Amino acid sequence: MSRRIEIELTSSRPDGTWTWRAAGAREPKGVLDGSMLASANKVGDVLKVDADFDVDGISIVAIVAGKERVEKTNRLELLASDKPFKPVIETKAPRSERPRRDDKRRGRPDGASGVDADGKKRRGPFTPPPELPQRPKAKRLKPGRVHRNEVLASLPEAQRAIAERVLQGGIPAVRTAVADQNKVLAAEGKEVIPADGLVTMAENLLPKLRVAEWLDRADAAADDLDTLDLRDLRSVVTSGDDPAIARDESTREIAARLKAGLAARQEKDHAEWLSDIDAAIGVGRVVRALKLSSQPPKAGARFPAELSARLAAAASSALEVDAPADRWVAMLEAAAFSPIRGQLDAAAIPAVVAPELLACVTRLAPAIPKIAAKFGVVVAPGAAMPRPLRPTRPVEKGKNDKRGERRPARGARPNAGAGEKPRSVQADAAESNTEKTESAEVKVENV
């Protein structure tokens, strides 16, 4: 049974036959009798043919028709005009002045506020809240390696490998590296390295390396003292109280300068923090003000009573009965971790409580007792305070986890800040090591 296919003529042979191949492809290919073609056919023509497919290959039975390009005759002719061109300019009204779709349906012109036929009050057009001035983003600490490199360069070659291990992971890193290398040496039948002597050597190098490491961080903090993130600056100042660092004469001057800079920065940032909260309340951005109030730059500072009263009144009045559930949830999530959480109250609650709103109130009930009482949520005695929700990482299409759910973003590693504990410093060891330790120095170059 024949099948209709398209072929392309590839060459003409002296014996009157033509070679062909499937149109647009390398395979299949074959030979056909030239008597079947018209005299006008040439190499490269695409023909529609009937072909038989059998065990010996493909045989062309008949030529059906060739592909011809059809020229379109119904073209429009563009005639030039002598009239000057006048562009059409469209000017749209600002978004806040455009009538809403529901206003047009109800016959309310230009989005004006009013009352509908049922006597229910309608809201006017949405006006976005004014923007607040943005503070420049604080810089993160990026220490160099000048002091550490100087210390490493001053050490003998045999001790340099141990010092690098100490900088990477402290004394435990040296013990682990020696134990791993001793396993290899024991397996090869070689003499193992005395671990006690190398650990003593590392303990002797540790104070000097700790001072160099702190000086690199302190230099970077001093260069960006006015713009450095307060958490990083506080961490550098706190670690400067380490006895191994404090008793070194090279650190005293810069440590005193950093402490004075930290005190000045805390006072400045605290004043700006209160100013930003006041500005947010003034323009009606209550959620923004609540979130700012929960992030004080100076730990232990008292929140001003006058500002606290204003913020509590603004947050309570924003909890309107006809406000949507997501507005209530956003307000309660921000207020539950602010200084005014105990003062937050609402005149009334929505007539129909959405499930997500009730779940939010139940979770935050220990922090917002007045709101919880309005919703009928009972707070158990001694109930633990809630924690802020962890932000969820947006998942791209097709990148869900095995259960098909969104994976939450990994929580940022908490910064110890002022409560960061300095690493323990080993006491000064004896000035001289045993002869056995000195003979092992060459073996630890790769430790």
Protein backbone atom coordinates (compact mmCIF):
# COMPACT_ATOMS: atom_id res chain seq x y z
CA MET A 1 0.00 0.00 0.00
CA SER A 2 1.43 3.35 -1.06
CA ARG A 3 1.86 6.34 1.24
CA ARG A 4 2.08 10.01 0.37
CA ILE A 5 5.27 11.79 1.41
CA GLU A 6 7.28 14.90 0.49
CA ILE A 7 10.72 14.53 -1.05
CA GLU A 8 13.49 16.89 -2.10
CA LEU A 9 15.48 16.29 -5.30
CA THR A 10 19.18 16.19 -4.45
CA SER A 11 21.01 15.32 -7.71
CA SER A 12 20.59 14.16 -11.33
CA ARG A 13 22.49 11.10 -12.55
CA PRO A 14 23.80 10.49 -16.12
CA ASP A 15 21.63 7.37 -16.48
CA GLY A 16 18.45 9.50 -16.20
CA THR A 17 17.68 8.73 -12.54
CA TRP A 18 17.44 11.26 -9.73
CA THR A 19 18.45 10.93 -6.09
CA TRP A 20 16.13 12.20 -3.39
CA ARG A 21 15.73 12.50 0.36
CA ALA A 22 12.87 13.23 2.72
CA ALA A 23 12.07 16.94 2.67
CA GLY A 24 13.86 18.74 5.48
CA ALA A 25 15.68 15.65 6.75
CA ARG A 26 18.65 13.41 5.99
CA GLU A 27 16.75 10.14 6.03
CA PRO A 28 15.11 8.35 4.33
CA LYS A 29 16.59 8.72 0.85
CA GLY A 30 16.54 6.84 -2.42
CA VAL A 31 16.47 6.94 -6.27
CA LEU A 32 13.59 7.59 -8.68
CA ASP A 33 13.13 7.31 -12.45
CA GLY A 34 13.71 10.65 -14.18
CA SER A 35 10.91 10.01 -16.70
CA MET A 36 8.42 10.67 -13.92
CA LEU A 37 9.63 14.27 -13.52
CA ALA A 38 8.76 17.32 -15.58
CA SER A 39 11.39 19.05 -17.67
CA ALA A 40 11.27 22.11 -15.36
CA ASN A 41 12.21 20.14 -12.26
CA LYS A 42 15.64 20.89 -10.79
CA VAL A 43 17.81 20.06 -7.79
CA GLY A 44 16.26 21.38 -4.56
CA ASP A 45 12.63 21.10 -5.70
CA VAL A 46 10.24 19.67 -3.10
CA LEU A 47 7.66 17.25 -4.55
CA LYS A 48 4.70 15.42 -3.13
CA VAL A 49 4.82 11.76 -4.23
CA ASP A 50 3.19 8.38 -3.66
CA ALA A 51 5.74 5.84 -2.35
CA ASP A 52 5.68 2.12 -1.61
CA PHE A 53 7.52 0.90 1.49
CA ASP A 54 8.78 -2.68 1.27
CA VAL A 55 11.70 -4.81 2.45
CA ASP A 56 14.01 -3.58 -0.32
CA GLY A 57 13.42 0.08 0.50
CA ILE A 58 11.20 2.92 -0.72
CA SER A 59 9.96 3.04 -4.33
CA ILE A 60 8.45 6.20 -5.81
CA VAL A 61 5.22 5.25 -7.64
CA ALA A 62 3.93 8.60 -8.90
CA ILE A 63 4.45 12.32 -8.66
CA VAL A 64 1.42 14.01 -7.15
CA ALA A 65 2.33 17.70 -7.16
CA GLY A 66 5.15 20.02 -6.32
CA LYS A 67 5.21 22.72 -3.69
CA GLU A 68 4.59 26.07 -5.31
CA ARG A 69 4.75 29.42 -3.67
CA VAL A 70 1.42 31.20 -3.93
CA GLU A 71 1.75 34.92 -4.38
CA LYS A 72 -0.91 36.94 -2.66
CA THR A 73 -2.66 39.33 -4.97
CA ASN A 74 -5.02 40.99 -2.49
CA ARG A 75 -2.54 43.56 -1.22
CA LEU A 76 -3.42 46.98 0.10
CA GLU A 77 -1.64 49.91 -1.42
CA LEU A 78 -0.59 52.64 0.99
CA LEU A 79 -1.14 56.07 -0.56
CA ALA A 80 0.76 59.08 0.76
CA SER A 81 -1.23 62.02 2.13
CA ASP A 82 -0.46 65.71 1.87
CA LYS A 83 -2.07 66.48 5.24
CA PRO A 84 0.33 67.06 8.20
CA PHE A 85 0.47 64.28 10.77
CA LYS A 86 -1.23 65.03 14.09
CA PRO A 87 -0.44 62.50 16.83
CA VAL A 88 -3.17 61.48 19.27
CA ILE A 89 -2.11 62.08 22.88
CA GLU A 90 -4.03 60.38 25.70
CA THR A 91 -3.71 61.72 29.24
CA LYS A 92 -4.97 59.44 32.00
CA ALA A 93 -6.24 60.73 35.32
CA PRO A 94 -4.27 59.79 38.45
CA ARG A 95 -5.21 56.42 39.91
CA SER A 96 -6.68 58.00 43.05
CA GLU A 97 -9.09 60.10 40.92
CA ARG A 98 -10.40 57.30 38.73
CA PRO A 99 -13.89 55.99 39.57
CA ARG A 100 -13.99 52.49 40.97
CA ARG A 101 -15.79 49.73 39.10
CA ASP A 102 -18.41 49.27 41.82
CA ASP A 103 -19.03 53.04 41.86
CA LYS A 104 -19.92 52.97 38.17
CA ARG A 105 -22.30 50.07 38.69
CA ARG A 106 -24.04 51.88 41.55
CA GLY A 107 -24.20 55.19 39.69
CA ARG A 108 -21.80 56.96 42.04
CA PRO A 109 -19.75 59.48 40.01
CA ASP A 110 -15.99 59.89 40.40
CA GLY A 111 -15.72 57.48 43.32
CA ALA A 112 -17.32 59.90 45.78
CA SER A 113 -18.13 58.45 49.18
CA GLY A 114 -21.76 58.11 50.18
CA VAL A 115 -24.53 55.78 51.26
CA ASP A 116 -26.13 53.15 49.01
CA ALA A 117 -29.84 52.36 48.66
CA ASP A 118 -29.76 50.06 51.69
CA GLY A 119 -28.43 52.81 53.93
CA LYS A 120 -24.99 51.14 54.32
CA LYS A 121 -21.93 53.33 54.36
CA ARG A 122 -19.53 52.77 51.49
CA ARG A 123 -15.83 53.39 51.59
CA GLY A 124 -14.28 55.97 49.31
CA PRO A 125 -11.45 55.30 46.83
CA PHE A 126 -8.25 53.84 48.26
CA THR A 127 -5.51 56.38 48.83
CA PRO A 128 -2.07 54.86 49.39
CA PRO A 129 -0.38 56.03 52.61
CA PRO A 130 2.48 58.49 52.21
CA GLU A 131 5.99 57.11 52.06
CA LEU A 132 8.34 57.50 55.00
CA PRO A 133 11.97 58.57 54.65
CA GLN A 134 14.20 55.50 54.49
CA ARG A 135 17.30 55.24 56.62
CA PRO A 136 20.43 54.03 54.83
CA LYS A 137 20.98 50.33 55.25
CA ALA A 138 23.64 49.51 57.84
CA LYS A 139 26.85 47.89 56.63
CA ARG A 140 27.88 44.43 57.79
CA LEU A 141 31.33 43.79 59.25
CA LYS A 142 33.93 42.66 56.70
CA PRO A 143 37.26 42.18 58.49
CA GLY A 144 40.52 41.93 56.63
CA ARG A 145 43.47 39.61 57.31
CA VAL A 146 46.36 42.05 57.80
CA HIS A 147 47.15 41.26 61.44
CA ARG A 148 46.57 37.53 61.05
CA ASN A 149 48.90 37.36 58.07
CA GLU A 150 51.58 39.26 60.00
CA VAL A 151 51.42 36.75 62.85
CA LEU A 152 51.54 33.77 60.49
CA ALA A 153 54.50 35.25 58.62
CA SER A 154 56.44 35.69 61.87
CA LEU A 155 56.08 32.00 62.88
CA PRO A 156 58.45 29.19 61.91
CA GLU A 157 57.30 27.01 59.04
CA ALA A 158 56.60 24.06 61.34
CA GLN A 159 54.30 26.10 63.60
CA ARG A 160 52.47 27.88 60.76
CA ALA A 161 50.32 24.86 59.88
CA ILE A 162 49.22 24.52 63.51
CA ALA A 163 48.42 28.26 63.72
CA GLU A 164 46.25 28.04 60.60
CA ARG A 165 44.32 25.16 62.18
CA VAL A 166 43.82 27.21 65.34
CA LEU A 167 42.43 30.12 63.29
CA GLN A 168 40.03 27.79 61.49
CA GLY A 169 38.57 25.96 64.49
CA GLY A 170 40.53 26.56 67.66
CA ILE A 171 42.21 23.87 69.77
CA PRO A 172 39.57 21.19 68.92
CA ALA A 173 40.50 21.50 65.26
CA VAL A 174 44.14 20.75 66.09
CA ARG A 175 43.20 17.68 68.15
CA THR A 176 40.97 16.38 65.36
CA ALA A 177 43.63 16.93 62.69
CA VAL A 178 46.31 15.15 64.76
CA ALA A 179 43.98 12.22 65.47
CA ASP A 180 43.10 11.85 61.77
CA GLN A 181 46.74 11.93 60.71
CA ASN A 182 47.73 9.43 63.42
CA LYS A 183 45.13 6.99 62.07
CA VAL A 184 46.76 7.18 58.65
CA LEU A 185 50.26 6.81 60.07
CA ALA A 186 49.23 3.83 62.21
CA ALA A 187 47.65 2.13 59.21
CA GLU A 188 50.91 2.58 57.28
CA GLY A 189 52.97 1.23 60.20
CA LYS A 190 54.71 4.56 60.85
CA GLU A 191 55.38 6.38 64.09
CA VAL A 192 52.42 8.47 65.29
CA ILE A 193 52.61 12.15 66.21
CA PRO A 194 52.58 13.04 69.95
CA ALA A 195 49.28 14.86 70.32
CA ASP A 196 49.92 16.41 73.76
CA GLY A 197 52.93 18.37 72.63
CA LEU A 198 51.17 19.77 69.56
CA VAL A 199 48.13 20.78 71.58
CA THR A 200 50.40 22.60 74.05
CA MET A 201 52.03 24.41 71.14
CA ALA A 202 48.59 25.41 69.81
CA GLU A 203 47.58 26.71 73.25
CA ASN A 204 50.71 28.86 73.35
CA LEU A 205 49.89 30.34 69.93
CA LEU A 206 46.20 30.91 70.69
CA PRO A 207 46.42 34.25 72.62
CA LYS A 208 48.55 35.86 69.93
CA LEU A 209 46.23 34.63 67.19
CA ARG A 210 43.14 35.77 69.07
CA VAL A 211 44.57 39.29 69.39
CA ALA A 212 45.41 39.42 65.68
CA GLU A 213 41.95 38.18 64.73
CA TRP A 214 40.27 40.78 66.96
CA LEU A 215 42.46 43.59 65.61
CA ASP A 216 41.36 42.75 62.07
CA ARG A 217 37.71 42.97 63.14
CA ALA A 218 38.32 46.13 65.18
CA ASP A 219 40.04 47.91 62.27
CA ALA A 220 37.10 47.11 60.00
CA ALA A 221 34.64 48.34 62.65
CA ALA A 222 36.58 51.57 63.20
CA ASP A 223 36.57 52.32 59.45
CA ASP A 224 32.75 52.09 59.31
CA LEU A 225 31.97 53.27 62.83
CA ASP A 226 29.13 55.60 61.78
CA THR A 227 27.40 53.18 59.38
CA LEU A 228 28.21 49.71 60.77
CA ASP A 229 25.38 47.46 61.89
CA LEU A 230 24.96 47.85 65.65
CA ARG A 231 24.94 44.07 66.17
CA ASP A 232 28.38 43.74 64.57
CA LEU A 233 29.77 46.76 66.43
CA ARG A 234 28.42 45.43 69.73
CA SER A 235 29.96 42.02 69.03
CA VAL A 236 33.42 43.54 68.43
CA VAL A 237 33.25 45.67 71.58
CA THR A 238 32.09 42.73 73.70
CA SER A 239 34.79 40.38 72.44
CA GLY A 240 37.36 43.08 73.24
CA ASP A 241 36.76 42.36 76.95
CA ASP A 242 38.31 38.91 76.54
CA PRO A 243 41.24 38.77 79.03
CA ALA A 244 43.62 37.58 76.31
CA ILE A 245 42.75 40.64 74.21
CA ALA A 246 42.28 43.22 76.98
CA ARG A 247 45.73 42.70 78.50
CA ASP A 248 47.52 43.29 75.17
CA GLU A 249 48.76 46.88 74.88
CA SER A 250 48.03 47.06 71.12
CA THR A 251 44.29 46.65 71.68
CA ARG A 252 43.61 49.13 74.48
CA GLU A 253 43.45 52.32 72.44
CA ILE A 254 41.19 50.98 69.68
CA ALA A 255 39.00 49.15 72.23
CA ALA A 256 38.37 52.41 74.11
CA ARG A 257 37.56 54.19 70.83
CA LEU A 258 35.09 51.48 69.81
CA LYS A 259 33.33 51.58 73.20
CA ALA A 260 32.87 55.34 72.93
CA GLY A 261 31.67 54.95 69.33
CA LEU A 262 29.16 52.26 70.36
CA ALA A 263 27.69 54.48 73.09
CA ALA A 264 27.33 57.41 70.68
CA ARG A 265 25.80 55.20 67.99
CA GLN A 266 23.27 53.73 70.41
CA GLU A 267 22.09 57.18 71.49
CA LYS A 268 21.88 58.40 67.88
CA ASP A 269 20.07 55.31 66.60
CA HIS A 270 17.70 55.38 69.57
CA ALA A 271 16.69 58.97 68.81
CA GLU A 272 16.18 58.14 65.12
CA TRP A 273 14.15 55.06 66.09
CA LEU A 274 11.73 57.12 68.20
CA SER A 275 11.52 59.71 65.41
CA ASP A 276 10.63 57.06 62.82
CA ILE A 277 7.88 55.64 65.05
CA ASP A 278 6.45 59.12 65.62
CA ALA A 279 6.51 59.83 61.86
CA ALA A 280 4.79 56.52 61.06
CA ILE A 281 2.00 57.26 63.54
CA GLY A 282 1.62 60.77 62.11
CA VAL A 283 0.91 59.50 58.56
CA GLY A 284 -1.32 56.63 59.68
CA ARG A 285 1.08 53.76 59.03
CA VAL A 286 0.25 52.00 62.29
CA VAL A 287 1.53 48.53 61.36
CA ARG A 288 4.86 50.05 60.38
CA ALA A 289 5.04 51.91 63.69
CA LEU A 290 4.25 48.71 65.64
CA LYS A 291 6.96 46.74 63.87
CA LEU A 292 9.50 49.51 64.48
CA SER A 293 8.62 49.66 68.17
CA SER A 294 9.49 45.97 68.57
CA GLN A 295 13.05 46.52 67.24
CA PRO A 296 14.80 48.88 69.68
CA PRO A 297 18.44 49.61 68.84
CA LYS A 298 19.35 49.97 72.51
CA ALA A 299 18.56 47.04 74.78
CA GLY A 300 16.81 47.89 78.04
CA ALA A 301 15.76 51.40 76.99
CA ARG A 302 12.33 52.46 78.26
CA PHE A 303 9.68 53.23 75.68
CA PRO A 304 8.35 56.79 76.28
CA ALA A 305 4.95 56.81 77.97
CA GLU A 306 3.55 59.58 75.74
CA LEU A 307 4.58 57.77 72.55
CA SER A 308 3.28 54.48 73.95
CA ALA A 309 -0.15 56.01 74.60
CA ARG A 310 -0.34 57.47 71.09
CA LEU A 311 0.70 54.20 69.47
CA ALA A 312 -1.77 52.16 71.53
CA ALA A 313 -4.62 54.54 70.68
CA ALA A 314 -3.78 54.49 66.96
CA ALA A 315 -3.54 50.68 66.88
CA SER A 316 -6.77 50.19 68.82
CA SER A 317 -8.72 52.61 66.60
CA ALA A 318 -7.40 50.85 63.49
CA LEU A 319 -9.14 47.62 64.57
CA GLU A 320 -12.46 48.57 62.95
CA VAL A 321 -15.45 46.26 62.93
CA ASP A 322 -15.80 46.29 59.12
CA ALA A 323 -12.06 45.95 58.44
CA PRO A 324 -11.13 42.77 56.53
CA ALA A 325 -9.73 39.79 58.41
CA ASP A 326 -6.24 40.11 56.90
CA ARG A 327 -6.07 43.69 58.21
CA TRP A 328 -6.86 42.46 61.72
CA VAL A 329 -4.29 39.67 61.44
CA ALA A 330 -1.53 42.05 60.25
CA MET A 331 -2.30 44.49 63.07
CA LEU A 332 -2.38 41.80 65.78
CA GLU A 333 0.83 40.11 64.56
CA ALA A 334 2.66 43.44 64.71
CA ALA A 335 1.17 44.56 68.04
CA ALA A 336 1.74 41.27 69.91
CA PHE A 337 5.51 41.86 69.98
CA SER A 338 5.51 45.61 70.57
CA PRO A 339 5.71 47.48 73.91
CA ILE A 340 1.99 48.38 73.78
CA ARG A 341 0.65 44.80 73.46
CA GLY A 342 -0.97 44.93 76.92
CA GLN A 343 -2.77 48.21 76.07
CA LEU A 344 -4.19 47.07 72.75
CA ASP A 345 -7.98 46.94 72.72
CA ALA A 346 -10.85 47.13 70.23
CA ALA A 347 -14.26 48.76 70.51
CA ALA A 348 -15.93 45.71 68.97
CA ILE A 349 -15.07 42.62 66.96
CA PRO A 350 -16.39 41.67 63.51
CA ALA A 351 -19.85 40.12 63.41
CA VAL A 352 -18.50 37.20 61.40
CA VAL A 353 -15.07 36.06 62.59
CA ALA A 354 -12.96 34.47 59.86
CA PRO A 355 -11.19 31.20 60.81
CA GLU A 356 -7.75 32.65 60.15
CA LEU A 357 -8.50 35.62 62.43
CA LEU A 358 -9.66 33.37 65.27
CA ALA A 359 -6.56 31.18 64.88
CA CYS A 360 -4.37 34.29 65.06
CA VAL A 361 -6.08 35.56 68.23
CA THR A 362 -5.79 32.11 69.85
CA ARG A 363 -2.06 31.90 69.13
CA LEU A 364 -1.31 35.45 70.30
CA ALA A 365 -3.73 35.42 73.28
CA PRO A 366 -1.05 35.53 76.06
CA ALA A 367 0.42 38.70 74.51
CA ILE A 368 -2.88 40.52 73.79
CA PRO A 369 -5.18 39.61 76.71
CA LYS A 370 -7.78 42.37 76.11
CA ILE A 371 -8.29 41.34 72.49
CA ALA A 372 -8.41 37.67 73.47
CA ALA A 373 -11.17 38.40 76.00
CA LYS A 374 -13.24 40.18 73.32
CA PHE A 375 -13.06 37.05 71.14
CA GLY A 376 -13.86 34.74 74.06
CA VAL A 377 -10.41 33.11 74.04
CA VAL A 378 -9.35 31.96 77.51
CA VAL A 379 -5.65 32.33 78.35
CA ALA A 380 -4.40 29.53 80.59
CA PRO A 381 -2.39 30.65 83.66
CA GLY A 382 1.33 30.58 82.98
CA ALA A 383 0.84 30.22 79.21
CA ALA A 384 4.02 30.78 77.25
CA MET A 385 4.34 33.95 75.23
CA PRO A 386 4.05 33.46 71.46
CA ARG A 387 6.91 33.82 69.04
CA PRO A 388 6.92 35.76 65.77
CA LEU A 389 6.03 33.75 62.70
CA ARG A 390 8.96 32.70 60.56
CA PRO A 391 8.76 34.20 57.07
CA THR A 392 8.03 31.72 54.30
CA ARG A 393 10.32 31.55 51.31
CA PRO A 394 8.47 32.01 48.00
CA VAL A 395 8.57 28.77 46.03
CA GLU A 396 8.96 28.86 42.25
CA LYS A 397 6.57 26.91 40.12
CA GLY A 398 7.42 23.21 40.18
CA LYS A 399 9.79 23.52 43.17
CA ASN A 400 7.59 22.34 46.03
CA ASP A 401 8.76 19.77 48.51
CA LYS A 402 7.76 16.09 48.43
CA ARG A 403 4.46 16.79 50.18
CA GLY A 404 3.58 19.53 47.67
CA GLU A 405 3.74 22.22 50.37
CA ARG A 406 5.78 25.37 50.54
CA ARG A 407 8.98 25.07 52.48
CA PRO A 408 9.50 27.78 55.12
CA ALA A 409 12.61 29.89 54.81
CA ARG A 410 15.44 28.97 57.07
CA GLY A 411 15.56 31.21 60.08
CA ALA A 412 18.46 33.59 60.20
CA ARG A 413 21.16 32.59 62.62
CA PRO A 414 20.56 34.61 65.81
CA ASN A 415 23.21 37.22 66.44
CA ALA A 416 24.49 37.04 69.99
CA GLY A 417 25.20 40.77 70.10
CA ALA A 418 25.89 42.02 73.58
CA GLY A 419 25.30 38.59 75.06
CA GLU A 420 27.92 36.85 72.97
CA LYS A 421 30.34 34.86 75.09
CA PRO A 422 34.02 35.09 74.15
CA ARG A 423 35.75 31.85 73.40
CA SER A 424 37.73 30.42 76.27
CA VAL A 425 41.44 31.24 76.31
CA GLN A 426 43.94 28.68 77.49
CA ALA A 427 46.43 29.68 80.14
CA ASP A 428 49.99 30.36 79.11
CA ALA A 429 51.88 27.09 78.85
CA ALA A 430 55.46 26.43 79.73
CA GLU A 431 58.02 28.25 77.61
CA SER A 432 59.86 25.14 76.58
CA ASN A 433 58.40 22.00 75.03
CA THR A 434 59.76 18.53 75.30
CA GLU A 435 62.34 17.27 72.82
CA LYS A 436 59.78 14.79 71.58
CA THR A 437 57.45 17.64 70.57
CA GLU A 438 60.21 19.52 68.74
CA SER A 439 61.05 16.45 66.71
CA ALA A 440 57.42 16.12 65.67
CA GLU A 441 57.12 19.66 64.30
CA VAL A 442 58.21 18.64 60.85
CA LYS A 443 55.52 15.94 60.68
CA VAL A 444 52.63 18.37 61.23
CA GLU A 445 53.24 20.67 58.28
CA ASN A 446 50.19 19.17 56.60
CA VAL A 447 48.05 18.98 59.76
